[in-house]
Amino acid sequence: MRKAVAMALAGNAVAMRLCLERVLPLLQDRPVVFKLPPIESPADLPEATAGLLRAVTSGELTPGEAEALRKVIDTHIAALKLVDVTERLTNLEDEKQQ
């Protein structure tokens, strides 16, 4: 790294870029301002994905941004399902003990 800094100080453009990328990495994503409907159960998923589709077709979101949001939605749905299964299991265990 010292050699790259020395080369950058000497005017080597490639070395300058290398050093700057280490200090200030390129931003890969940007904040996405997009209003999603509330997702409280898997039944809410079609409305949310339809909203993503509308946003992509209107140019509000890029396909890559929509895909990233879909992954976040999938994670949220998985968490909701886990809570549901846990509650059902707890109820069954409680019923069995009575």
C-alpha atoms as a PDB file:
ATOM      1  CA  MET A   1       0.000   0.000   0.000  1.00  0.00           C
ATOM      2  CA  ARG A   2       2.895   2.375   0.694  1.00  0.00           C
ATOM      3  CA  LYS A   3       4.127   1.891  -2.838  1.00  0.00           C
ATOM      4  CA  ALA A   4       0.656   2.707  -4.201  1.00  0.00           C
ATOM      5  CA  VAL A   5       0.561   5.895  -2.122  1.00  0.00           C
ATOM      6  CA  ALA A   6       4.023   6.870  -3.347  1.00  0.00           C
ATOM      7  CA  MET A   7       2.982   6.221  -6.943  1.00  0.00           C
ATOM      8  CA  ALA A   8      -0.224   8.233  -6.433  1.00  0.00           C
ATOM      9  CA  LEU A   9       1.755  11.143  -5.031  1.00  0.00           C
ATOM     10  CA  ALA A  10       4.009  10.923  -8.061  1.00  0.00           C
ATOM     11  CA  GLY A  11       0.966  11.365 -10.313  1.00  0.00           C
ATOM     12  CA  ASN A  12       0.083   7.797 -11.284  1.00  0.00           C
ATOM     13  CA  ALA A  13      -3.654   7.948 -12.033  1.00  0.00           C
ATOM     14  CA  VAL A  14      -4.270   4.228 -11.489  1.00  0.00           C
ATOM     15  CA  ALA A  15      -2.543   4.358  -8.109  1.00  0.00           C
ATOM     16  CA  MET A  16      -4.577   7.467  -7.188  1.00  0.00           C
ATOM     17  CA  ARG A  17      -7.806   5.651  -8.015  1.00  0.00           C
ATOM     18  CA  LEU A  18      -6.697   2.602  -6.015  1.00  0.00           C
ATOM     19  CA  CYS A  19      -5.907   4.728  -2.975  1.00  0.00           C
ATOM     20  CA  LEU A  20      -9.139   6.695  -3.210  1.00  0.00           C
ATOM     21  CA  GLU A  21     -11.209   3.510  -3.515  1.00  0.00           C
ATOM     22  CA  ARG A  22      -9.649   2.272  -0.283  1.00  0.00           C
ATOM     23  CA  VAL A  23     -10.387   5.519   1.545  1.00  0.00           C
ATOM     24  CA  LEU A  24     -13.770   6.320  -0.057  1.00  0.00           C
ATOM     25  CA  PRO A  25     -15.331   3.131  -1.426  1.00  0.00           C
ATOM     26  CA  LEU A  26     -17.864   3.540  -4.210  1.00  0.00           C
ATOM     27  CA  LEU A  27     -21.450   3.505  -3.096  1.00  0.00           C
ATOM     28  CA  GLN A  28     -23.112   0.423  -4.549  1.00  0.00           C
ATOM     29  CA  ASP A  29     -26.649   1.271  -3.484  1.00  0.00           C
ATOM     30  CA  ARG A  30     -28.691   4.354  -2.966  1.00  0.00           C
ATOM     31  CA  PRO A  31     -31.470   4.878  -0.468  1.00  0.00           C
ATOM     32  CA  VAL A  32     -34.769   3.838  -1.999  1.00  0.00           C
ATOM     33  CA  VAL A  33     -37.807   5.889  -1.124  1.00  0.00           C
ATOM     34  CA  PHE A  34     -40.762   3.694  -1.929  1.00  0.00           C
ATOM     35  CA  LYS A  35     -44.050   3.309  -0.094  1.00  0.00           C
ATOM     36  CA  LEU A  36     -44.937  -0.322   0.466  1.00  0.00           C
ATOM     37  CA  PRO A  37     -48.300  -1.333   1.854  1.00  0.00           C
ATOM     38  CA  PRO A  38     -48.155  -2.898   5.313  1.00  0.00           C
ATOM     39  CA  ILE A  39     -47.171  -6.572   5.224  1.00  0.00           C
ATOM     40  CA  GLU A  40     -48.624  -8.281   8.256  1.00  0.00           C
ATOM     41  CA  SER A  41     -49.180 -11.733   6.787  1.00  0.00           C
ATOM     42  CA  PRO A  42     -48.336 -13.721   3.650  1.00  0.00           C
ATOM     43  CA  ALA A  43     -51.784 -12.727   2.332  1.00  0.00           C
ATOM     44  CA  ASP A  44     -50.459  -9.152   1.966  1.00  0.00           C
ATOM     45  CA  LEU A  45     -47.690 -10.291  -0.371  1.00  0.00           C
ATOM     46  CA  PRO A  46     -49.565  -9.960  -3.715  1.00  0.00           C
ATOM     47  CA  GLU A  47     -50.351  -6.293  -3.061  1.00  0.00           C
ATOM     48  CA  ALA A  48     -46.721  -5.591  -2.138  1.00  0.00           C
ATOM     49  CA  THR A  49     -45.299  -7.333  -5.206  1.00  0.00           C
ATOM     50  CA  ALA A  50     -47.846  -5.601  -7.438  1.00  0.00           C
ATOM     51  CA  GLY A  51     -46.600  -2.296  -6.024  1.00  0.00           C
ATOM     52  CA  LEU A  52     -43.033  -3.270  -6.878  1.00  0.00           C
ATOM     53  CA  LEU A  53     -44.083  -4.181 -10.404  1.00  0.00           C
ATOM     54  CA  ARG A  54     -45.866  -0.852 -10.872  1.00  0.00           C
ATOM     55  CA  ALA A  55     -42.823   1.023  -9.572  1.00  0.00           C
ATOM     56  CA  VAL A  56     -40.515  -0.764 -12.027  1.00  0.00           C
ATOM     57  CA  THR A  57     -42.789  -0.254 -15.006  1.00  0.00           C
ATOM     58  CA  SER A  58     -43.207   3.439 -14.173  1.00  0.00           C
ATOM     59  CA  GLY A  59     -39.465   3.939 -13.753  1.00  0.00           C
ATOM     60  CA  GLU A  60     -39.724   4.785 -10.054  1.00  0.00           C
ATOM     61  CA  LEU A  61     -37.486   1.796  -9.234  1.00  0.00           C
ATOM     62  CA  THR A  62     -34.904  -0.039 -11.276  1.00  0.00           C
ATOM     63  CA  PRO A  63     -35.344  -3.802 -11.664  1.00  0.00           C
ATOM     64  CA  GLY A  64     -32.307  -4.275  -9.396  1.00  0.00           C
ATOM     65  CA  GLU A  65     -33.802  -2.081  -6.681  1.00  0.00           C
ATOM     66  CA  ALA A  66     -37.091  -3.975  -6.899  1.00  0.00           C
ATOM     67  CA  GLU A  67     -35.222  -7.276  -6.606  1.00  0.00           C
ATOM     68  CA  ALA A  68     -33.398  -6.019  -3.503  1.00  0.00           C
ATOM     69  CA  LEU A  69     -36.693  -4.928  -1.953  1.00  0.00           C
ATOM     70  CA  ARG A  70     -38.269  -8.278  -2.844  1.00  0.00           C
ATOM     71  CA  LYS A  71     -35.521 -10.022  -0.891  1.00  0.00           C
ATOM     72  CA  VAL A  72     -36.248  -7.815   2.123  1.00  0.00           C
ATOM     73  CA  ILE A  73     -39.952  -8.625   1.784  1.00  0.00           C
ATOM     74  CA  ASP A  74     -39.168 -12.353   1.554  1.00  0.00           C
ATOM     75  CA  THR A  75     -37.148 -12.141   4.762  1.00  0.00           C
ATOM     76  CA  HIS A  76     -40.004 -10.321   6.481  1.00  0.00           C
ATOM     77  CA  ILE A  77     -42.534 -12.931   5.303  1.00  0.00           C
ATOM     78  CA  ALA A  78     -40.258 -15.727   6.556  1.00  0.00           C
ATOM     79  CA  ALA A  79     -40.100 -14.032   9.965  1.00  0.00           C
ATOM     80  CA  LEU A  80     -43.898 -13.704  10.053  1.00  0.00           C
ATOM     81  CA  LYS A  81     -44.275 -17.393   9.183  1.00  0.00           C
ATOM     82  CA  LEU A  82     -41.806 -18.359  11.909  1.00  0.00           C
ATOM     83  CA  VAL A  83     -43.741 -16.377  14.499  1.00  0.00           C
ATOM     84  CA  ASP A  84     -46.965 -18.042  13.336  1.00  0.00           C
ATOM     85  CA  VAL A  85     -45.501 -21.546  13.543  1.00  0.00           C
ATOM     86  CA  THR A  86     -44.017 -20.828  16.968  1.00  0.00           C
ATOM     87  CA  GLU A  87     -47.366 -19.581  18.270  1.00  0.00           C
ATOM     88  CA  ARG A  88     -49.169 -22.633  16.869  1.00  0.00           C
ATOM     89  CA  LEU A  89     -46.644 -24.994  18.422  1.00  0.00           C
ATOM     90  CA  THR A  90     -46.913 -23.250  21.781  1.00  0.00           C
ATOM     91  CA  ASN A  91     -50.720 -23.516  21.637  1.00  0.00           C
ATOM     92  CA  LEU A  92     -50.557 -27.220  20.794  1.00  0.00           C
ATOM     93  CA  GLU A  93     -48.114 -27.892  23.617  1.00  0.00           C
ATOM     94  CA  ASP A  94     -50.328 -25.968  26.047  1.00  0.00           C
ATOM     95  CA  GLU A  95     -53.398 -27.942  24.924  1.00  0.00           C
ATOM     96  CA  LYS A  96     -51.546 -31.222  25.312  1.00  0.00           C
ATOM     97  CA  GLN A  97     -50.515 -30.375  28.897  1.00  0.00           C
ATOM     98  CA  GLN A  98     -54.081 -29.634  29.938  1.00  0.00           C
END
